[in-house]
Protein backbone atom coordinates (compact mmCIF):
# COMPACT_ATOMS: atom_id res chain seq x y z
CA MET A 1 -122.20 -32.52 -145.40
CA PRO A 2 -121.27 -34.07 -142.29
CA LEU A 3 -122.60 -37.10 -141.39
CA MET A 4 -125.38 -36.97 -138.26
CA PRO A 5 -125.11 -39.66 -135.49
CA ILE A 6 -128.26 -41.88 -135.70
CA ALA A 7 -130.35 -43.09 -132.29
CA GLN A 8 -131.79 -46.57 -132.85
CA PRO A 9 -131.53 -49.30 -130.41
CA LEU A 10 -128.61 -51.48 -130.42
CA ALA A 11 -130.68 -54.86 -132.10
CA GLN A 12 -131.26 -52.36 -134.98
CA LEU A 13 -127.50 -51.64 -135.57
CA PRO A 14 -125.84 -54.33 -138.34
CA PHE A 15 -124.36 -56.67 -136.45
CA SER A 16 -121.82 -59.24 -137.82
CA GLN A 17 -121.90 -63.16 -135.63
CA ALA A 18 -118.42 -63.78 -136.89
CA CYS A 19 -116.70 -60.32 -134.75
CA GLU A 20 -119.66 -62.02 -131.85
CA ASN A 21 -117.45 -65.64 -132.27
CA ASN A 22 -114.23 -64.60 -132.76
CA LYS A 23 -114.10 -61.23 -130.26
CA ALA A 24 -113.13 -63.13 -127.41
CA PRO A 25 -110.01 -65.76 -128.98
CA ILE A 26 -108.96 -62.11 -130.37
CA LEU A 27 -108.33 -60.37 -127.19
CA ALA A 28 -106.72 -63.37 -125.11
CA VAL A 29 -103.97 -62.71 -128.06
CA LEU A 30 -104.37 -58.51 -127.93
CA THR A 31 -104.34 -58.62 -124.44
CA GLN A 32 -100.39 -59.54 -124.72
CA ALA A 33 -99.88 -58.36 -127.67
CA PHE A 34 -100.90 -54.68 -126.91
CA SER A 35 -99.75 -54.96 -123.30
CA LEU A 36 -97.07 -52.36 -123.26
CA ASN A 37 -99.42 -49.96 -125.78
CA GLN A 38 -101.11 -46.89 -124.98
CA HIS A 39 -102.94 -45.37 -128.23
CA VAL A 40 -104.84 -48.06 -130.84
CA LEU A 41 -105.71 -47.00 -134.14
CA GLU A 42 -108.11 -49.77 -135.52
CA ILE A 43 -108.88 -49.55 -139.39
CA GLY A 44 -111.73 -50.67 -140.95
CA SER A 45 -113.86 -51.24 -137.74
CA GLY A 46 -116.86 -52.09 -139.40
CA THR A 47 -120.07 -52.98 -137.33
CA GLY A 48 -117.91 -51.40 -133.91
CA GLN A 49 -118.31 -54.67 -132.55
CA HIS A 50 -114.91 -55.67 -131.89
CA ALA A 51 -113.77 -51.78 -130.84
CA VAL A 52 -116.66 -51.60 -127.61
CA TYR A 53 -115.29 -55.05 -126.71
CA PHE A 54 -111.29 -54.46 -126.53
CA ALA A 55 -112.36 -51.07 -125.02
CA ALA A 56 -113.91 -52.48 -122.46
CA ASN A 57 -111.75 -55.19 -121.75
CA LEU A 58 -108.10 -53.09 -122.48
CA PRO A 59 -108.94 -50.60 -120.44
CA HIS A 60 -105.15 -49.38 -120.39
CA LEU A 61 -105.65 -48.19 -123.83
CA ILE A 62 -107.40 -45.21 -125.99
CA TRP A 63 -108.95 -47.26 -129.04
CA GLN A 64 -109.46 -45.20 -132.11
CA THR A 65 -112.06 -46.44 -134.43
CA SER A 66 -111.97 -45.79 -138.30
CA ASP A 67 -113.57 -46.58 -141.32
CA GLN A 68 -114.80 -45.31 -144.89
CA ALA A 69 -117.24 -42.73 -144.92
CA GLU A 70 -120.45 -45.41 -144.97
CA TYR A 71 -119.47 -47.21 -142.30
CA ILE A 72 -118.91 -43.67 -139.80
CA GLU A 73 -122.92 -43.26 -138.29
CA VAL A 74 -123.25 -47.50 -137.64
CA ILE A 75 -119.36 -47.03 -135.71
CA SER A 76 -120.30 -44.08 -134.13
CA ALA A 77 -124.06 -45.04 -132.76
CA ARG A 78 -122.52 -48.38 -131.58
CA CYS A 79 -119.77 -46.67 -129.74
CA LYS A 80 -121.98 -43.81 -128.39
CA GLN A 81 -125.02 -46.80 -127.07
CA GLU A 82 -122.83 -49.42 -125.93
CA GLY A 83 -119.87 -47.55 -124.80
CA LYS A 84 -122.25 -45.61 -122.51
CA LEU A 85 -124.15 -48.63 -121.14
CA SER A 86 -120.81 -50.45 -120.52
CA ASP A 87 -119.23 -47.26 -119.33
CA VAL A 88 -116.04 -47.28 -121.70
CA ALA A 89 -116.75 -43.90 -123.31
CA ALA A 90 -113.16 -42.83 -121.46
CA ASN A 91 -111.01 -45.27 -123.48
CA LEU A 92 -113.29 -45.49 -126.72
CA ALA A 93 -112.64 -42.87 -129.45
CA LEU A 94 -115.44 -42.13 -131.98
CA PRO A 95 -114.50 -43.05 -135.71
CA ILE A 96 -112.52 -40.82 -137.93
CA ILE A 97 -113.13 -41.56 -142.15
CA LEU A 98 -110.25 -43.00 -143.27
CA ASP A 99 -110.00 -44.54 -146.52
CA VAL A 100 -106.36 -46.29 -146.84
CA THR A 101 -105.76 -44.93 -150.41
CA ALA A 102 -105.99 -41.14 -149.71
CA PRO A 103 -104.42 -39.36 -146.61
CA TRP A 104 -104.97 -40.41 -143.39
CA PRO A 105 -106.77 -37.67 -141.45
CA VAL A 106 -104.57 -38.97 -138.15
CA GLY A 107 -101.82 -35.74 -138.16
CA GLY A 108 -103.35 -34.51 -134.91
CA LEU A 109 -102.95 -38.34 -133.30
CA THR A 110 -99.52 -39.35 -135.16
CA PRO A 111 -97.35 -38.85 -132.57
CA GLU A 112 -99.89 -40.88 -129.67
CA ILE A 113 -101.13 -43.58 -131.98
CA ASP A 114 -98.27 -46.52 -131.14
CA ALA A 115 -100.58 -49.78 -132.25
CA VAL A 116 -102.65 -50.98 -135.25
CA PHE A 117 -105.17 -53.49 -135.16
CA SER A 118 -107.42 -54.35 -138.30
CA ALA A 119 -109.56 -57.33 -138.45
CA ASN A 120 -111.06 -59.11 -142.08
CA THR A 121 -109.76 -56.55 -144.06
CA LEU A 122 -106.83 -57.35 -146.77
CA HIS A 123 -108.77 -60.01 -148.60
CA ILE A 124 -111.80 -57.44 -148.89
CA MET A 125 -109.33 -54.38 -150.47
CA SER A 126 -107.57 -54.45 -153.64
CA LYS A 127 -104.08 -55.47 -154.02
CA ASN A 128 -103.19 -51.72 -155.04
CA MET A 129 -105.15 -51.32 -151.53
CA VAL A 130 -103.50 -53.75 -149.56
CA GLU A 131 -100.18 -52.17 -150.15
CA ALA A 132 -101.32 -48.46 -149.79
CA PHE A 133 -102.64 -49.66 -146.31
CA PHE A 134 -98.84 -50.40 -145.79
CA SER A 135 -97.37 -47.53 -146.78
CA GLY A 136 -99.46 -45.58 -144.98
CA LEU A 137 -98.31 -47.34 -141.78
CA GLY A 138 -94.75 -46.11 -142.56
CA LEU A 139 -95.74 -42.42 -144.02
CA TYR A 140 -98.31 -41.50 -141.35
CA LEU A 141 -97.82 -43.53 -137.78
CA PRO A 142 -94.08 -42.60 -137.04
CA GLN A 143 -94.79 -43.61 -133.13
CA LEU A 144 -96.05 -47.11 -134.51
CA ASN A 145 -94.53 -50.36 -133.08
CA THR A 146 -96.96 -53.08 -132.95
CA LEU A 147 -99.70 -54.31 -135.90
CA CYS A 148 -102.20 -57.07 -135.17
CA ILE A 149 -104.15 -58.10 -138.69
CA TYR A 150 -106.36 -61.15 -137.99
CA GLY A 151 -108.15 -62.87 -141.19
CA PRO A 152 -107.40 -65.64 -143.31
CA PHE A 153 -104.07 -66.11 -145.11
CA ASN A 154 -102.91 -68.40 -147.91
CA TYR A 155 -99.00 -70.05 -147.49
CA GLN A 156 -96.73 -70.32 -150.40
CA GLY A 157 -100.05 -69.74 -152.61
CA GLU A 158 -101.99 -72.65 -151.35
CA PHE A 159 -105.33 -72.17 -149.10
CA SER A 160 -104.36 -73.81 -145.43
CA SER A 161 -108.57 -74.63 -145.68
CA ASP A 162 -111.18 -76.11 -148.06
CA SER A 163 -113.16 -73.34 -146.01
CA ASN A 164 -110.78 -70.98 -147.28
CA ARG A 165 -110.96 -71.62 -150.72
CA GLN A 166 -114.50 -71.48 -151.06
CA PHE A 167 -114.27 -68.26 -149.30
CA ASP A 168 -112.17 -66.99 -151.51
CA GLY A 169 -114.17 -68.29 -154.61
CA PHE A 170 -117.04 -66.31 -153.22
CA LEU A 171 -114.47 -63.05 -152.61
CA LYS A 172 -114.20 -62.93 -156.46
CA GLN A 173 -117.26 -63.64 -157.58
CA ARG A 174 -118.09 -60.63 -155.36
CA ASP A 175 -115.18 -58.35 -156.33
CA PRO A 176 -112.63 -60.29 -158.58
CA ALA A 177 -109.92 -57.49 -156.95
CA SER A 178 -110.15 -59.15 -153.66
CA GLY A 179 -109.06 -62.40 -152.46
CA ILE A 180 -107.27 -63.92 -149.38
CA ARG A 181 -103.93 -62.39 -149.51
CA ASP A 182 -100.57 -64.71 -149.52
CA ILE A 183 -98.81 -64.16 -145.54
CA GLU A 184 -95.21 -64.26 -147.71
CA TRP A 185 -96.49 -60.91 -149.43
CA ILE A 186 -97.76 -59.20 -146.45
CA CYS A 187 -94.77 -59.68 -144.89
CA GLN A 188 -92.83 -58.28 -147.77
CA LEU A 189 -95.26 -54.89 -147.32
CA ALA A 190 -94.97 -55.16 -143.83
CA SER A 191 -91.09 -55.42 -143.78
CA GLU A 192 -90.78 -52.87 -146.62
CA GLN A 193 -91.72 -50.39 -143.52
CA LYS A 194 -89.59 -52.06 -140.62
CA LEU A 195 -92.40 -54.34 -139.63
CA THR A 196 -91.35 -57.71 -138.99
CA LEU A 197 -93.38 -60.65 -138.02
CA GLN A 198 -93.19 -61.83 -134.15
CA HIS A 199 -96.26 -63.90 -133.89
CA ASP A 200 -98.68 -66.20 -136.55
CA ILE A 201 -101.12 -67.07 -134.22
CA ALA A 202 -103.67 -69.89 -135.57
CA MET A 203 -107.06 -68.61 -134.71
CA PRO A 204 -110.72 -70.45 -134.89
CA ALA A 205 -112.36 -70.58 -138.36
CA ASN A 206 -109.38 -71.25 -140.05
CA ASN A 207 -108.22 -67.41 -139.84
CA ARG A 208 -104.34 -66.27 -137.86
CA LEU A 209 -103.60 -63.37 -136.00
CA LEU A 210 -100.50 -61.85 -137.20
CA GLN A 211 -98.70 -59.59 -134.88
CA PHE A 212 -95.50 -57.62 -136.20
CA VAL A 213 -93.13 -55.18 -134.44
CA ARG A 214 -90.82 -52.37 -135.97
CA ASP A 215 -87.34 -52.92 -136.04
CA SER A 216 -85.24 -52.07 -133.70
CA LEU A 217 -82.88 -49.24 -134.73
């Protein structure tokens, strides 16, 4: 049965303070990273806060939201309400259901999507899901040339801060299959899809923003 749209005040929608805190620093990077792109697929749009903010501030892009089925109602509501209020509806697309472990529903959009953004997702996924994430990029998005991933990462198996160590413990207590990933492994998975790390940018709260670009043929 299709999910019905919900109509409730923005104040009642799920809200992430982390998204509110990091959206401006992320935008500063994406403004350059996506300057030559046209159509971005956001994988794991969550509350939709990033999507409405980035779409409003990057008007040259079409911003396609996506997530697992349980989050679609909230993302749709925020896109419709905030998008309407801030006049970004023209370049903000309502979410599609995307499970990285299943066939991606982007067949009709594949020729248009040339960039992917994902924030705070890889440490929530299991290792198998992370591998499926990268395999999907190569399998379903042949035109992809820019990938930006935001979140915490380890370097050579070591935590970059005590807060990240504590956060990793919290993640594993909640779900033993989750956890902060080693950047070397992430780069290896990206390389298998002909994506090379171009920039590794320090961000607030001990996070990073990784920008990958498609290898030249």
